[in-house]
Protein backbone atom coordinates (compact mmCIF):
# COMPACT_ATOMS: atom_id res chain seq x y z
CA MET A 1 -16.55 -10.42 26.29
CA SER A 2 -16.63 -13.93 27.79
CA ILE A 3 -14.84 -15.61 30.67
CA PHE A 4 -12.31 -16.83 28.09
CA ASN A 5 -11.20 -13.34 27.09
CA GLU A 6 -7.91 -13.74 28.96
CA TYR A 7 -6.78 -16.33 26.42
CA ALA A 8 -7.27 -13.97 23.48
CA ARG A 9 -5.46 -11.18 25.32
CA LYS A 10 -2.58 -13.51 26.16
CA LEU A 11 -2.31 -14.50 22.50
CA ASP A 12 -2.26 -10.83 21.56
CA GLU A 13 0.47 -10.12 24.12
CA MET A 14 2.61 -13.01 22.88
CA ALA A 15 2.12 -11.95 19.26
CA ARG A 16 3.11 -8.35 19.95
CA ILE A 17 6.27 -9.45 21.78
CA SER A 18 7.26 -11.57 18.77
CA PHE A 19 6.51 -8.72 16.39
CA GLU A 20 8.60 -6.34 18.49
CA GLU A 21 11.55 -8.71 18.67
CA TYR A 22 11.53 -9.31 14.93
CA GLN A 23 10.99 -5.69 13.94
CA GLY A 24 13.61 -4.50 16.44
CA ALA A 25 16.21 -6.83 14.97
CA GLU A 26 15.22 -5.80 11.46
CA ALA A 27 15.49 -2.08 12.30
CA ASP A 28 18.92 -2.58 13.89
CA TYR A 29 20.06 -4.49 10.83
CA LYS A 30 18.93 -1.81 8.40
CA LYS A 31 20.51 0.90 10.51
CA ALA A 32 23.80 -0.98 10.69
CA GLU A 33 23.65 -1.72 6.97
CA ALA A 34 23.21 1.97 6.16
CA ARG A 35 26.11 2.85 8.45
CA ALA A 36 28.34 0.22 6.80
CA LYS A 37 27.51 1.65 3.38
CA GLU A 38 28.31 5.12 4.64
CA TYR A 39 31.75 3.94 5.76
CA PRO A 40 32.79 1.15 3.36
CA MET A 41 36.19 -0.48 3.65
CA ARG A 42 38.90 1.44 1.74
CA TYR A 43 42.38 0.41 0.79
CA GLY A 44 45.56 2.36 0.33
CA VAL A 45 46.14 5.59 2.21
CA VAL A 46 43.13 6.07 4.47
CA ASP A 47 42.53 8.56 7.24
CA ALA A 48 42.89 6.88 10.64
CA LYS A 49 39.63 8.38 11.90
CA TYR A 50 37.79 7.05 8.87
CA MET A 51 39.38 3.61 9.29
CA THR A 52 38.16 3.47 12.89
CA LYS A 53 34.63 4.42 11.91
CA SER A 54 34.63 2.00 9.01
CA ALA A 55 35.92 -0.89 11.09
CA ARG A 56 33.30 -0.19 13.73
CA ALA A 57 30.54 0.09 11.15
CA GLN A 58 31.50 -3.20 9.48
CA ALA A 59 31.69 -5.02 12.81
CA ASP A 60 28.33 -3.63 13.91
CA PHE A 61 26.82 -4.65 10.58
CA LEU A 62 28.02 -8.24 10.86
CA GLU A 63 26.72 -8.43 14.42
CA ALA A 64 23.34 -6.94 13.47
CA LYS A 65 23.10 -9.24 10.45
CA GLU A 66 23.69 -12.29 12.60
CA ALA A 67 21.12 -11.12 15.15
CA TYR A 68 18.60 -10.38 12.41
CA THR A 69 19.08 -13.79 10.80
CA LYS A 70 18.51 -15.45 14.17
CA ALA A 71 15.44 -13.29 14.88
CA ARG A 72 14.00 -14.01 11.43
CA ASN A 73 14.43 -17.76 11.87
CA ASN A 74 12.87 -17.62 15.33
CA PHE A 75 9.98 -15.57 13.97
CA ARG A 76 9.31 -18.03 11.16
CA GLY A 77 8.78 -20.83 13.67
CA SER A 78 7.09 -18.75 16.36
CA GLY A 79 3.55 -19.96 15.64
CA VAL A 80 4.19 -23.02 17.81
CA GLN A 81 4.22 -20.79 20.89
CA PHE A 82 0.41 -20.78 20.86
CA VAL A 83 -0.04 -24.55 21.06
CA GLU A 84 0.04 -24.76 24.85
CA LEU A 85 -2.22 -21.72 25.25
CA ARG A 86 -4.73 -23.22 22.82
CA ASN A 87 -4.73 -26.49 24.75
CA GLU A 88 -5.44 -24.56 27.95
CA LEU A 89 -8.34 -22.79 26.24
CA VAL A 90 -9.80 -26.07 24.94
CA ASN A 91 -9.63 -27.62 28.41
CA ALA A 92 -11.20 -24.55 30.01
CA ILE A 93 -14.05 -24.62 27.49
CA ARG A 94 -14.65 -28.32 28.05
CA ASP A 95 -14.80 -27.76 31.79
CA GLU A 96 -17.19 -24.83 31.43
CA PHE A 97 -19.56 -26.54 28.99
CA ARG A 98 -19.49 -30.09 30.31
CA ALA A 99 -22.80 -31.75 31.19
CA ASP A 100 -23.67 -31.36 34.86
CA PRO A 101 -26.47 -33.45 36.42
CA ALA A 102 -26.96 -30.78 39.09
CA ALA A 103 -27.85 -28.27 36.39
CA ILE A 104 -30.87 -30.22 35.11
CA ASP A 105 -34.15 -28.36 35.46
CA GLU A 106 -36.70 -31.12 36.05
CA LYS A 107 -39.72 -28.89 35.40
CA THR A 108 -38.36 -27.89 32.01
CA ILE A 109 -37.58 -31.54 31.20
CA GLU A 110 -41.15 -32.51 32.02
CA LEU A 111 -42.39 -29.73 29.77
CA LEU A 112 -40.17 -30.97 26.96
CA LYS A 113 -41.42 -34.51 27.44
CA SER A 114 -45.04 -33.39 27.34
CA GLY A 115 -44.86 -32.60 23.63
CA ILE A 116 -47.06 -29.51 23.94
CA LEU A 117 -44.39 -26.97 23.01
CA LYS A 118 -44.58 -25.00 19.80
CA GLY A 119 -41.51 -24.43 17.68
CA ASP A 120 -40.80 -20.88 18.82
CA GLU A 121 -41.12 -21.97 22.46
CA TYR A 122 -38.13 -24.26 22.04
CA ILE A 123 -36.11 -21.26 20.87
CA LYS A 124 -37.25 -19.25 23.91
CA LEU A 125 -36.22 -22.08 26.24
CA VAL A 126 -32.79 -22.32 24.61
CA GLU A 127 -32.30 -18.58 24.95
CA GLU A 128 -33.32 -18.67 28.63
CA ALA A 129 -30.88 -21.50 29.31
CA GLU A 130 -28.13 -19.58 27.53
CA THR A 131 -28.88 -16.48 29.60
CA ALA A 132 -28.69 -18.62 32.74
CA ASN A 133 -25.35 -19.96 31.47
CA ASN A 134 -26.65 -23.51 31.72
CA PRO A 135 -25.02 -25.49 28.90
CA THR A 136 -26.50 -28.75 30.17
CA MET A 137 -30.05 -27.53 29.68
CA VAL A 138 -29.16 -25.90 26.38
CA ARG A 139 -28.04 -29.29 25.11
CA MET A 140 -31.07 -31.06 26.56
CA ILE A 141 -33.50 -28.62 24.96
CA GLY A 142 -31.67 -28.92 21.65
CA LYS A 143 -31.95 -32.71 21.82
CA TYR A 144 -35.70 -32.64 22.38
CA ALA A 145 -36.14 -29.97 19.70
CA ALA A 146 -34.32 -32.15 17.16
CA GLU A 147 -36.38 -35.21 18.00
CA LYS A 148 -39.65 -33.31 17.79
CA ALA A 149 -38.61 -31.66 14.53
CA ASN A 150 -37.96 -35.08 12.97
CA GLU A 151 -41.39 -36.26 14.06
CA ARG A 152 -43.13 -33.24 12.56
CA ILE A 153 -41.16 -33.41 9.31
CA GLU A 154 -42.11 -37.05 8.93
CA ARG A 155 -45.76 -36.21 9.53
CA TYR A 156 -46.15 -32.79 7.89
CA GLY A 157 -43.11 -32.38 5.64
CA ARG A 158 -40.13 -30.03 5.71
CA SER A 159 -42.26 -26.95 5.10
CA ASP A 160 -43.86 -27.27 8.54
CA THR A 161 -43.37 -24.00 10.42
CA ASP A 162 -42.99 -25.54 13.86
CA ALA A 163 -40.44 -28.01 12.53
CA ARG A 164 -38.38 -25.15 11.11
CA TYR A 165 -38.38 -23.35 14.47
CA MET A 166 -37.41 -26.56 16.21
CA ARG A 167 -34.49 -26.97 13.84
CA MET A 168 -33.48 -23.40 14.59
CA ALA A 169 -33.57 -24.20 18.32
CA GLU A 170 -31.45 -27.29 17.73
CA HIS A 171 -28.92 -25.30 15.68
CA LYS A 172 -28.83 -22.58 18.32
CA SER A 173 -28.17 -25.14 21.04
CA ARG A 174 -25.26 -26.60 19.09
CA SER A 175 -23.57 -23.19 18.88
CA PHE A 176 -23.57 -22.88 22.68
CA THR A 177 -20.61 -25.18 23.21
CA GLY A 178 -17.64 -22.82 23.20
CA GLU A 179 -16.54 -24.20 19.83
CA ASN A 180 -16.92 -20.71 18.36
CA ARG A 181 -14.27 -19.48 20.80
CA ILE A 182 -11.83 -22.12 19.60
CA GLU A 183 -12.61 -21.17 16.01
CA ASP A 184 -12.00 -17.48 16.75
CA PHE A 185 -8.74 -18.35 18.51
CA ASP A 186 -7.58 -20.40 15.53
CA ASN A 187 -8.48 -17.54 13.20
CA MET A 188 -6.21 -15.22 15.18
CA ILE A 189 -3.39 -17.76 14.97
CA SER A 190 -3.93 -17.89 11.20
CA LEU A 191 -3.70 -14.10 11.02
CA TYR A 192 -0.50 -14.24 13.06
CA ASN A 193 0.97 -16.79 10.65
CA ARG A 194 0.08 -14.51 7.73
CA CYS A 195 2.14 -11.80 9.43
CA VAL A 196 5.00 -14.25 9.86
CA ASN A 197 4.91 -15.16 6.18
CA ASN A 198 4.66 -11.51 5.17
CA PRO A 199 5.98 -9.16 7.92
CA THR A 200 4.67 -6.11 6.07
CA LEU A 201 1.23 -7.19 7.32
CA ILE A 202 2.18 -6.76 10.98
CA SER A 203 0.88 -3.20 10.89
CA PHE A 204 -2.61 -4.60 10.23
CA TRP A 205 -2.63 -6.86 13.29
CA ASN A 206 -4.60 -4.51 15.52
CA GLU A 207 -7.09 -3.73 12.74
CA TRP A 208 -7.63 -7.43 12.08
CA THR A 209 -7.87 -8.66 15.66
CA GLY A 210 -8.97 -5.68 17.76
CA ASN A 211 -12.71 -6.42 17.77
CA ALA A 212 -12.19 -10.17 17.96
CA ILE A 213 -10.05 -9.84 21.08
CA GLU A 214 -12.41 -7.33 22.69
CA ASN A 215 -15.43 -9.57 22.09
CA PHE A 216 -13.74 -12.91 22.74
């Protein structure tokens, strides 16, 4: 769970409210439809009690049908409700992972400049910066790892072990940007839209998103 977990939980809350509104209107419609079929309009000599029930059933059905049509249309376009929340998440991630001069570790920079580090040591430095939640140093280490990897590949070829580790460190540094959170968020929106397009899938929402939300 990250500091951005609240955004995933808010998405989940909004999705469940939309599901409930749609399914509630659908259930009311089906119930009213069944009642209208039970008491269809009859002509000729009809019992007054039956006529009252029939009239009520038909009126309730028309009302429920109108409400269901409105709810269905609203549901079909409900994916737009996440746009603002996504923008808030993107801005929060940018703020959290922005470069900060005050976060620069000069001793580590000098070590990187020295050129004495082995490939696996770049990975260790990236991991330590990640643990310290220092995105600035993660990016700096990744930059130096990439430069050094290019030098070694040019000199020793792509099979060089240290160069491979340095590339791994670079790749690892690039993943520490919060972009994976945005990708996970977008995946949940895609799952929501699948439910919109096929409401029978709503029952799978928790199965599909439970772990993603918990670990967001």
